[in-house]
Amino acid sequence: QKGVGAAFAQVAAYWFMLYPKPVGLGWSNQRYTMALQIADIPWQIKAIFGIVSDFCPIWGYSRSPYMVLGSVAGIVAFALLAADIWHSVLGVCMLLMLVGFSLGVPELVVDATIAENIKRYPSFSTQLQTL
């Protein structure tokens, strides 16, 4: 999930931000790097998402709604980036943070499910950890 999605997002962001106007934003390398660091914040606070999903279930479910929210956030963020209406640094960074959120939440949910199943089926722990 992360490898394919992150690679797609990074290539798209690279051309979108660095390509000269009117096709791209024409940003400098420094601004581009800053935007990618801001977009990486969801990965740095991924543990907080895990705590929230475990302790704040939505409609009685602790993981599925968060996967749906993450997926919807990614779709909306990519659609808004593709619409080419966000030319401010803050707007693009916020959308890239939503993309990071949409990539991080499913990975977090999979990791939590694997950890839960390792507790339930310890004899399969080595097989489950390779997923």
C-alpha atoms as a PDB file:
ATOM      1  CA  GLN A   1       0.000   0.000   0.000  1.00  0.00           C
ATOM      2  CA  LYS A   2       2.495   2.617   1.136  1.00  0.00           C
ATOM      3  CA  GLY A   3       5.128   1.911  -1.495  1.00  0.00           C
ATOM      4  CA  VAL A   4       2.863   2.238  -4.526  1.00  0.00           C
ATOM      5  CA  GLY A   5       0.689   5.028  -3.158  1.00  0.00           C
ATOM      6  CA  ALA A   6       3.580   7.070  -1.786  1.00  0.00           C
ATOM      7  CA  ALA A   7       5.573   6.699  -5.002  1.00  0.00           C
ATOM      8  CA  PHE A   8       2.586   7.847  -7.052  1.00  0.00           C
ATOM      9  CA  ALA A   9       1.989  10.810  -4.760  1.00  0.00           C
ATOM     10  CA  GLN A  10       5.643  11.833  -4.689  1.00  0.00           C
ATOM     11  CA  VAL A  11       6.082  11.775  -8.471  1.00  0.00           C
ATOM     12  CA  ALA A  12       2.860  13.713  -8.956  1.00  0.00           C
ATOM     13  CA  ALA A  13       3.837  16.226  -6.264  1.00  0.00           C
ATOM     14  CA  TYR A  14       7.311  16.648  -7.762  1.00  0.00           C
ATOM     15  CA  TRP A  15       6.036  17.607 -11.195  1.00  0.00           C
ATOM     16  CA  PHE A  16       3.121  19.621  -9.844  1.00  0.00           C
ATOM     17  CA  MET A  17       5.256  21.738  -7.536  1.00  0.00           C
ATOM     18  CA  LEU A  18       8.497  22.144  -9.477  1.00  0.00           C
ATOM     19  CA  TYR A  19       7.273  22.406 -13.069  1.00  0.00           C
ATOM     20  CA  PRO A  20       7.187  26.038 -14.246  1.00  0.00           C
ATOM     21  CA  LYS A  21       3.935  27.970 -14.436  1.00  0.00           C
ATOM     22  CA  PRO A  22       1.296  27.783 -15.940  1.00  0.00           C
ATOM     23  CA  VAL A  23       1.435  23.972 -15.899  1.00  0.00           C
ATOM     24  CA  GLY A  24       2.895  23.623 -12.406  1.00  0.00           C
ATOM     25  CA  LEU A  25       3.426  25.834  -9.412  1.00  0.00           C
ATOM     26  CA  GLY A  26       7.025  26.739 -10.232  1.00  0.00           C
ATOM     27  CA  TRP A  27       8.223  26.302  -6.660  1.00  0.00           C
ATOM     28  CA  SER A  28      11.871  26.271  -5.631  1.00  0.00           C
ATOM     29  CA  ASN A  29      13.544  23.102  -4.384  1.00  0.00           C
ATOM     30  CA  GLN A  30      13.554  24.554  -0.874  1.00  0.00           C
ATOM     31  CA  ARG A  31       9.781  25.138  -0.874  1.00  0.00           C
ATOM     32  CA  TYR A  32       9.206  21.681  -2.394  1.00  0.00           C
ATOM     33  CA  THR A  33      11.277  20.019   0.352  1.00  0.00           C
ATOM     34  CA  MET A  34       9.450  21.979   3.041  1.00  0.00           C
ATOM     35  CA  ALA A  35       6.091  20.894   1.632  1.00  0.00           C
ATOM     36  CA  LEU A  36       7.132  17.231   1.614  1.00  0.00           C
ATOM     37  CA  GLN A  37       8.281  17.470   5.231  1.00  0.00           C
ATOM     38  CA  ILE A  38       4.929  18.938   6.234  1.00  0.00           C
ATOM     39  CA  ALA A  39       3.126  16.272   4.228  1.00  0.00           C
ATOM     40  CA  ASP A  40       5.041  13.623   6.187  1.00  0.00           C
ATOM     41  CA  ILE A  41       3.530  14.691   9.529  1.00  0.00           C
ATOM     42  CA  PRO A  42       0.757  12.034   9.451  1.00  0.00           C
ATOM     43  CA  TRP A  43       3.428   9.326   9.323  1.00  0.00           C
ATOM     44  CA  GLN A  44       5.195  10.849  12.320  1.00  0.00           C
ATOM     45  CA  ILE A  45       2.035  10.853  14.452  1.00  0.00           C
ATOM     46  CA  LYS A  46       0.677   7.533  13.242  1.00  0.00           C
ATOM     47  CA  ALA A  47       0.627   6.157  16.797  1.00  0.00           C
ATOM     48  CA  ILE A  48      -1.873   8.844  17.779  1.00  0.00           C
ATOM     49  CA  PHE A  49      -4.211   7.652  15.022  1.00  0.00           C
ATOM     50  CA  GLY A  50      -3.899   4.142  16.445  1.00  0.00           C
ATOM     51  CA  ILE A  51      -4.807   5.281  19.937  1.00  0.00           C
ATOM     52  CA  VAL A  52      -7.763   7.285  18.647  1.00  0.00           C
ATOM     53  CA  SER A  53      -9.053   4.387  16.531  1.00  0.00           C
ATOM     54  CA  ASP A  54      -8.782   1.980  19.479  1.00  0.00           C
ATOM     55  CA  PHE A  55     -10.375   4.229  22.098  1.00  0.00           C
ATOM     56  CA  CYS A  56     -12.902   6.145  19.968  1.00  0.00           C
ATOM     57  CA  PRO A  57     -14.883   3.643  17.904  1.00  0.00           C
ATOM     58  CA  ILE A  58     -17.307   4.990  15.299  1.00  0.00           C
ATOM     59  CA  TRP A  59     -20.693   3.225  15.315  1.00  0.00           C
ATOM     60  CA  GLY A  60     -19.141   0.424  17.345  1.00  0.00           C
ATOM     61  CA  TYR A  61     -16.298  -0.234  14.896  1.00  0.00           C
ATOM     62  CA  SER A  62     -12.749   0.671  15.786  1.00  0.00           C
ATOM     63  CA  ARG A  63     -11.013   0.236  12.437  1.00  0.00           C
ATOM     64  CA  SER A  64     -13.297   0.092   9.406  1.00  0.00           C
ATOM     65  CA  PRO A  65     -14.662   3.660   9.624  1.00  0.00           C
ATOM     66  CA  TYR A  66     -11.145   5.025   9.931  1.00  0.00           C
ATOM     67  CA  MET A  67     -10.109   3.177   6.774  1.00  0.00           C
ATOM     68  CA  VAL A  68     -13.094   4.655   4.958  1.00  0.00           C
ATOM     69  CA  LEU A  69     -12.286   8.146   6.268  1.00  0.00           C
ATOM     70  CA  GLY A  70      -8.671   7.754   5.198  1.00  0.00           C
ATOM     71  CA  SER A  71      -9.656   6.590   1.726  1.00  0.00           C
ATOM     72  CA  VAL A  72     -12.159   9.410   1.263  1.00  0.00           C
ATOM     73  CA  ALA A  73      -9.566  11.933   2.460  1.00  0.00           C
ATOM     74  CA  GLY A  74      -7.090  10.665  -0.139  1.00  0.00           C
ATOM     75  CA  ILE A  75      -9.627  10.767  -2.953  1.00  0.00           C
ATOM     76  CA  VAL A  76     -10.680  14.308  -2.054  1.00  0.00           C
ATOM     77  CA  ALA A  77      -7.079  15.482  -1.679  1.00  0.00           C
ATOM     78  CA  PHE A  78      -5.965  14.033  -5.016  1.00  0.00           C
ATOM     79  CA  ALA A  79      -9.061  15.427  -6.742  1.00  0.00           C
ATOM     80  CA  LEU A  80      -8.459  18.907  -5.350  1.00  0.00           C
ATOM     81  CA  LEU A  81      -4.774  18.764  -6.295  1.00  0.00           C
ATOM     82  CA  ALA A  82      -5.737  17.664  -9.803  1.00  0.00           C
ATOM     83  CA  ALA A  83      -8.274  20.494 -10.075  1.00  0.00           C
ATOM     84  CA  ASP A  84      -5.303  22.879  -9.899  1.00  0.00           C
ATOM     85  CA  ILE A  85      -7.078  25.449  -7.752  1.00  0.00           C
ATOM     86  CA  TRP A  86      -4.603  25.352  -4.839  1.00  0.00           C
ATOM     87  CA  HIS A  87      -1.660  27.590  -5.557  1.00  0.00           C
ATOM     88  CA  SER A  88      -0.838  28.580  -1.987  1.00  0.00           C
ATOM     89  CA  VAL A  89       1.850  26.763  -0.062  1.00  0.00           C
ATOM     90  CA  LEU A  90      -0.476  26.163   2.873  1.00  0.00           C
ATOM     91  CA  GLY A  91      -3.282  24.764   0.701  1.00  0.00           C
ATOM     92  CA  VAL A  92      -1.015  22.318  -1.117  1.00  0.00           C
ATOM     93  CA  CYS A  93       0.663  21.251   2.141  1.00  0.00           C
ATOM     94  CA  MET A  94      -2.711  20.563   3.771  1.00  0.00           C
ATOM     95  CA  LEU A  95      -3.822  18.477   0.810  1.00  0.00           C
ATOM     96  CA  LEU A  96      -0.553  16.543   0.858  1.00  0.00           C
ATOM     97  CA  MET A  97      -1.080  15.921   4.573  1.00  0.00           C
ATOM     98  CA  LEU A  98      -4.474  14.418   3.704  1.00  0.00           C
ATOM     99  CA  VAL A  99      -2.747  12.193   1.157  1.00  0.00           C
ATOM    100  CA  GLY A 100      -0.290  11.094   3.851  1.00  0.00           C
ATOM    101  CA  PHE A 101      -3.198  10.444   6.199  1.00  0.00           C
ATOM    102  CA  SER A 102      -4.933   8.344   3.560  1.00  0.00           C
ATOM    103  CA  LEU A 103      -1.793   6.233   3.109  1.00  0.00           C
ATOM    104  CA  GLY A 104      -0.972   5.930   6.807  1.00  0.00           C
ATOM    105  CA  VAL A 105      -4.339   4.928   8.216  1.00  0.00           C
ATOM    106  CA  PRO A 106      -4.762   1.680   6.228  1.00  0.00           C
ATOM    107  CA  GLU A 107      -1.219   0.626   7.100  1.00  0.00           C
ATOM    108  CA  LEU A 108      -1.904   1.364  10.748  1.00  0.00           C
ATOM    109  CA  VAL A 109      -5.111  -0.677  10.671  1.00  0.00           C
ATOM    110  CA  VAL A 110      -3.338  -3.629   9.057  1.00  0.00           C
ATOM    111  CA  ASP A 111      -0.541  -3.464  11.645  1.00  0.00           C
ATOM    112  CA  ALA A 112      -3.073  -3.367  14.493  1.00  0.00           C
ATOM    113  CA  THR A 113      -4.983  -6.315  13.061  1.00  0.00           C
ATOM    114  CA  ILE A 114      -1.782  -8.333  12.700  1.00  0.00           C
ATOM    115  CA  ALA A 115      -0.779  -7.554  16.300  1.00  0.00           C
ATOM    116  CA  GLU A 116      -4.234  -8.577  17.495  1.00  0.00           C
ATOM    117  CA  ASN A 117      -4.068 -11.861  15.572  1.00  0.00           C
ATOM    118  CA  ILE A 118      -0.571 -12.613  16.875  1.00  0.00           C
ATOM    119  CA  LYS A 119      -1.964 -12.468  20.414  1.00  0.00           C
ATOM    120  CA  ARG A 120      -4.846 -14.711  19.395  1.00  0.00           C
ATOM    121  CA  TYR A 121      -2.744 -17.193  17.360  1.00  0.00           C
ATOM    122  CA  PRO A 122       0.840 -17.137  18.672  1.00  0.00           C
ATOM    123  CA  SER A 123       1.829 -20.213  16.658  1.00  0.00           C
ATOM    124  CA  PHE A 124       1.328 -18.207  13.438  1.00  0.00           C
ATOM    125  CA  SER A 125       3.265 -15.154  14.620  1.00  0.00           C
ATOM    126  CA  THR A 126       6.164 -15.539  12.163  1.00  0.00           C
ATOM    127  CA  GLN A 127       3.800 -15.916   9.207  1.00  0.00           C
ATOM    128  CA  LEU A 128       1.681 -12.946  10.278  1.00  0.00           C
ATOM    129  CA  GLN A 129       4.699 -10.671  10.782  1.00  0.00           C
ATOM    130  CA  THR A 130       5.780 -11.133   7.170  1.00  0.00           C
ATOM    131  CA  LEU A 131       2.577  -9.567   5.838  1.00  0.00           C
END
